């Protein structure tokens, strides 16, 4: 468990160091707030399976596609912290 925590802190640190502040806009801020505040509370059932996926995972993937991987890592860490 300690190795996973250290690896997560390392990935978050690398993402924060490589962050491009020029790409931050109002859409990213809204996506960030919505993901942390609401995304983990909404679950969607996958058709023909008994498993569920939270909406926050979809929003993190959207951040990965629209912005860079650094923003997705930071968003995932913030969402995991807020959920826990």
N, C-alpha and C. Protein backbone atom coordinates (compact mmCIF):
# COMPACT_ATOMS: atom_id res chain seq x y z
N UNK A 1 0.82 -1.18 0.00
CA UNK A 1 0.00 0.00 0.00
C UNK A 1 0.87 1.25 0.00
N UNK A 2 1.98 1.18 0.69
CA UNK A 2 2.90 2.32 0.73
C UNK A 2 3.50 2.58 -0.64
N UNK A 3 3.77 1.52 -1.40
CA UNK A 3 4.32 1.69 -2.75
C UNK A 3 3.32 2.37 -3.67
N UNK A 4 2.05 2.04 -3.55
CA UNK A 4 1.01 2.66 -4.38
C UNK A 4 0.87 4.13 -4.02
N UNK A 5 0.92 4.45 -2.73
CA UNK A 5 0.84 5.83 -2.29
C UNK A 5 2.02 6.63 -2.81
N UNK A 6 3.21 6.09 -2.69
CA UNK A 6 4.41 6.79 -3.17
C UNK A 6 4.40 6.96 -4.68
N UNK A 7 3.93 5.97 -5.40
CA UNK A 7 3.83 6.08 -6.85
C UNK A 7 2.80 7.14 -7.25
N UNK A 8 1.70 7.21 -6.54
CA UNK A 8 0.69 8.23 -6.80
C UNK A 8 1.20 9.62 -6.52
N UNK A 9 1.93 9.80 -5.43
CA UNK A 9 2.52 11.10 -5.11
C UNK A 9 3.55 11.48 -6.16
N UNK A 10 4.32 10.52 -6.62
CA UNK A 10 5.31 10.79 -7.67
C UNK A 10 4.63 11.22 -8.96
N UNK A 11 3.58 10.51 -9.38
CA UNK A 11 2.86 10.88 -10.61
C UNK A 11 2.21 12.25 -10.49
N UNK A 12 1.65 12.55 -9.34
CA UNK A 12 1.04 13.86 -9.13
C UNK A 12 2.10 14.96 -9.15
N UNK A 13 3.26 14.70 -8.57
CA UNK A 13 4.34 15.69 -8.57
C UNK A 13 4.86 15.96 -9.97
N UNK A 14 5.04 14.92 -10.75
CA UNK A 14 5.50 15.09 -12.13
C UNK A 14 4.46 15.86 -12.95
N UNK A 15 3.19 15.57 -12.72
CA UNK A 15 2.13 16.28 -13.44
C UNK A 15 2.10 17.76 -13.06
N UNK A 16 2.29 18.06 -11.80
CA UNK A 16 2.30 19.46 -11.37
C UNK A 16 3.51 20.20 -11.92
N UNK A 17 4.64 19.53 -12.02
CA UNK A 17 5.84 20.18 -12.55
C UNK A 17 5.76 20.42 -14.06
N UNK A 18 5.09 19.55 -14.78
CA UNK A 18 4.98 19.67 -16.23
C UNK A 18 3.71 20.37 -16.69
N UNK A 19 2.99 20.98 -15.77
CA UNK A 19 1.71 21.60 -16.07
C UNK A 19 1.90 22.87 -16.90
N UNK A 20 1.11 23.00 -17.94
CA UNK A 20 1.13 24.19 -18.78
C UNK A 20 -0.01 25.10 -18.36
N UNK A 21 0.32 26.20 -17.73
CA UNK A 21 -0.70 27.11 -17.22
C UNK A 21 -1.41 27.88 -18.32
N UNK A 22 -0.85 27.89 -19.51
CA UNK A 22 -1.45 28.63 -20.63
C UNK A 22 -2.73 27.96 -21.13
N UNK A 23 -2.90 26.68 -20.88
CA UNK A 23 -4.07 25.97 -21.38
C UNK A 23 -5.25 25.98 -20.41
N UNK A 24 -5.08 26.59 -19.25
CA UNK A 24 -6.17 26.65 -18.29
C UNK A 24 -7.19 27.69 -18.74
N UNK A 25 -8.44 27.27 -18.86
CA UNK A 25 -9.51 28.19 -19.23
C UNK A 25 -10.73 27.92 -18.35
N UNK A 26 -11.79 28.64 -18.59
CA UNK A 26 -12.99 28.53 -17.76
C UNK A 26 -13.64 27.15 -17.92
N UNK A 27 -13.52 26.54 -19.09
CA UNK A 27 -14.12 25.22 -19.30
C UNK A 27 -13.43 24.16 -18.44
N UNK A 28 -12.13 24.27 -18.30
CA UNK A 28 -11.40 23.33 -17.45
C UNK A 28 -11.78 23.52 -15.99
N UNK A 29 -11.95 24.74 -15.56
CA UNK A 29 -12.33 25.02 -14.18
C UNK A 29 -13.72 24.46 -13.89
N UNK A 30 -14.65 24.65 -14.82
CA UNK A 30 -16.01 24.11 -14.65
C UNK A 30 -15.97 22.58 -14.63
N UNK A 31 -15.21 21.98 -15.52
CA UNK A 31 -15.07 20.52 -15.55
C UNK A 31 -14.47 20.01 -14.25
N UNK A 32 -13.48 20.72 -13.73
CA UNK A 32 -12.83 20.33 -12.48
C UNK A 32 -13.82 20.40 -11.31
N UNK A 33 -14.54 21.48 -11.20
CA UNK A 33 -15.49 21.65 -10.09
C UNK A 33 -16.63 20.64 -10.20
N UNK A 34 -17.16 20.45 -11.41
CA UNK A 34 -18.26 19.52 -11.59
C UNK A 34 -17.83 18.09 -11.31
N UNK A 35 -16.63 17.72 -11.72
CA UNK A 35 -16.15 16.36 -11.48
C UNK A 35 -15.98 16.09 -10.00
N UNK A 36 -15.38 17.02 -9.29
CA UNK A 36 -15.12 16.80 -7.88
C UNK A 36 -16.41 16.88 -7.06
N UNK A 37 -17.28 17.81 -7.39
CA UNK A 37 -18.48 18.02 -6.59
C UNK A 37 -19.59 17.02 -6.88
N UNK A 38 -19.81 16.71 -8.16
CA UNK A 38 -20.99 15.93 -8.53
C UNK A 38 -20.65 14.59 -9.16
N UNK A 39 -19.55 14.51 -9.86
CA UNK A 39 -19.25 13.35 -10.69
C UNK A 39 -19.19 12.02 -9.97
N UNK A 40 -18.67 12.01 -8.75
CA UNK A 40 -18.55 10.73 -8.05
C UNK A 40 -19.87 10.25 -7.46
N UNK A 41 -20.86 11.11 -7.40
CA UNK A 41 -22.15 10.73 -6.84
C UNK A 41 -23.12 10.17 -7.88
N UNK A 42 -22.77 10.29 -9.15
CA UNK A 42 -23.62 9.80 -10.23
C UNK A 42 -23.00 8.52 -10.78
N UNK A 43 -23.77 7.44 -10.78
CA UNK A 43 -23.28 6.19 -11.34
C UNK A 43 -24.16 5.78 -12.51
N UNK A 44 -23.54 5.13 -13.47
CA UNK A 44 -24.23 4.69 -14.68
C UNK A 44 -23.99 3.20 -14.84
N UNK A 45 -25.07 2.44 -15.05
CA UNK A 45 -24.92 1.01 -15.23
C UNK A 45 -24.52 0.72 -16.67
N UNK A 46 -23.56 -0.16 -16.83
CA UNK A 46 -23.13 -0.58 -18.15
C UNK A 46 -24.12 -1.62 -18.66
N UNK A 47 -24.66 -1.43 -19.87
CA UNK A 47 -25.65 -2.39 -20.39
C UNK A 47 -25.08 -3.82 -20.49
N UNK A 48 -25.89 -4.78 -20.16
CA UNK A 48 -25.59 -6.21 -20.20
C UNK A 48 -24.50 -6.63 -19.21
N UNK A 49 -24.16 -5.77 -18.27
CA UNK A 49 -23.21 -6.11 -17.21
C UNK A 49 -23.82 -5.70 -15.89
N UNK A 50 -23.31 -6.25 -14.82
CA UNK A 50 -23.82 -5.90 -13.50
C UNK A 50 -22.95 -4.83 -12.83
N UNK A 51 -22.02 -4.27 -13.56
CA UNK A 51 -21.13 -3.28 -12.97
C UNK A 51 -21.60 -1.87 -13.29
N UNK A 52 -21.10 -0.94 -12.51
CA UNK A 52 -21.43 0.47 -12.66
C UNK A 52 -20.15 1.26 -12.88
N UNK A 53 -20.28 2.40 -13.52
CA UNK A 53 -19.16 3.32 -13.71
C UNK A 53 -19.63 4.69 -13.23
N UNK A 54 -18.75 5.37 -12.53
CA UNK A 54 -19.14 6.70 -12.05
C UNK A 54 -18.93 7.72 -13.15
N UNK A 55 -19.70 8.77 -13.09
CA UNK A 55 -19.59 9.82 -14.11
C UNK A 55 -18.26 10.53 -14.02
N UNK A 56 -17.64 10.53 -12.86
CA UNK A 56 -16.35 11.21 -12.72
C UNK A 56 -15.28 10.54 -13.58
N UNK A 57 -15.35 9.26 -13.76
CA UNK A 57 -14.38 8.58 -14.63
C UNK A 57 -14.54 9.03 -16.07
N UNK A 58 -15.76 9.28 -16.48
CA UNK A 58 -16.02 9.80 -17.82
C UNK A 58 -15.46 11.21 -17.97
N UNK A 59 -15.64 12.02 -16.94
CA UNK A 59 -15.13 13.39 -16.99
C UNK A 59 -13.60 13.43 -16.97
N UNK A 60 -12.98 12.50 -16.26
CA UNK A 60 -11.51 12.42 -16.25
C UNK A 60 -11.00 12.03 -17.64
N UNK A 61 -11.69 11.08 -18.27
CA UNK A 61 -11.31 10.71 -19.62
C UNK A 61 -11.51 11.87 -20.59
N UNK A 62 -12.57 12.64 -20.40
CA UNK A 62 -12.80 13.83 -21.22
C UNK A 62 -11.69 14.86 -21.03
N UNK A 63 -11.25 15.04 -19.80
CA UNK A 63 -10.13 15.95 -19.54
C UNK A 63 -8.85 15.45 -20.20
N UNK A 64 -8.67 14.14 -20.24
CA UNK A 64 -7.51 13.57 -20.91
C UNK A 64 -7.55 13.84 -22.40
N UNK A 65 -8.73 13.77 -23.01
CA UNK A 65 -8.86 14.01 -24.44
C UNK A 65 -8.76 15.49 -24.80
N UNK A 66 -9.40 16.35 -24.02
CA UNK A 66 -9.44 17.77 -24.36
C UNK A 66 -8.18 18.52 -23.96
N UNK A 67 -7.63 18.16 -22.82
CA UNK A 67 -6.45 18.84 -22.32
C UNK A 67 -5.30 17.83 -22.35
N UNK A 68 -4.35 17.93 -21.51
CA UNK A 68 -3.23 16.99 -21.53
C UNK A 68 -3.38 15.96 -20.42
N UNK A 69 -2.48 15.01 -20.41
CA UNK A 69 -2.50 13.98 -19.38
C UNK A 69 -2.26 14.53 -17.99
N UNK A 70 -1.52 15.64 -17.91
CA UNK A 70 -1.24 16.23 -16.61
C UNK A 70 -2.51 16.68 -15.91
N UNK A 71 -3.41 17.33 -16.68
CA UNK A 71 -4.66 17.78 -16.08
C UNK A 71 -5.52 16.60 -15.67
N UNK A 72 -5.51 15.53 -16.44
CA UNK A 72 -6.30 14.35 -16.10
C UNK A 72 -5.78 13.69 -14.81
N UNK A 73 -4.47 13.66 -14.65
CA UNK A 73 -3.89 13.07 -13.43
C UNK A 73 -4.26 13.90 -12.22
N UNK A 74 -4.15 15.23 -12.35
CA UNK A 74 -4.49 16.11 -11.23
C UNK A 74 -5.97 16.02 -10.91
N UNK A 75 -6.81 15.96 -11.93
CA UNK A 75 -8.25 15.83 -11.72
C UNK A 75 -8.59 14.50 -11.07
N UNK A 76 -7.95 13.43 -11.49
CA UNK A 76 -8.19 12.12 -10.88
C UNK A 76 -7.76 12.10 -9.42
N UNK A 77 -6.64 12.73 -9.12
CA UNK A 77 -6.17 12.78 -7.73
C UNK A 77 -7.12 13.61 -6.86
N UNK A 78 -7.59 14.73 -7.38
CA UNK A 78 -8.53 15.57 -6.62
C UNK A 78 -9.85 14.86 -6.41
N UNK A 79 -10.33 14.16 -7.42
CA UNK A 79 -11.58 13.42 -7.29
C UNK A 79 -11.45 12.26 -6.30
N UNK A 80 -10.34 11.56 -6.34
CA UNK A 80 -10.12 10.46 -5.40
C UNK A 80 -10.02 10.98 -3.97
N UNK A 81 -9.37 12.12 -3.79
CA UNK A 81 -9.27 12.71 -2.47
C UNK A 81 -10.64 13.14 -1.95
N UNK A 82 -11.44 13.76 -2.82
CA UNK A 82 -12.77 14.21 -2.41
C UNK A 82 -13.69 13.04 -2.14
N UNK A 83 -13.57 11.97 -2.90
CA UNK A 83 -14.43 10.80 -2.72
C UNK A 83 -14.07 10.05 -1.44
N UNK A 84 -12.79 9.98 -1.15
CA UNK A 84 -12.38 9.23 0.04
C UNK A 84 -12.66 10.01 1.31
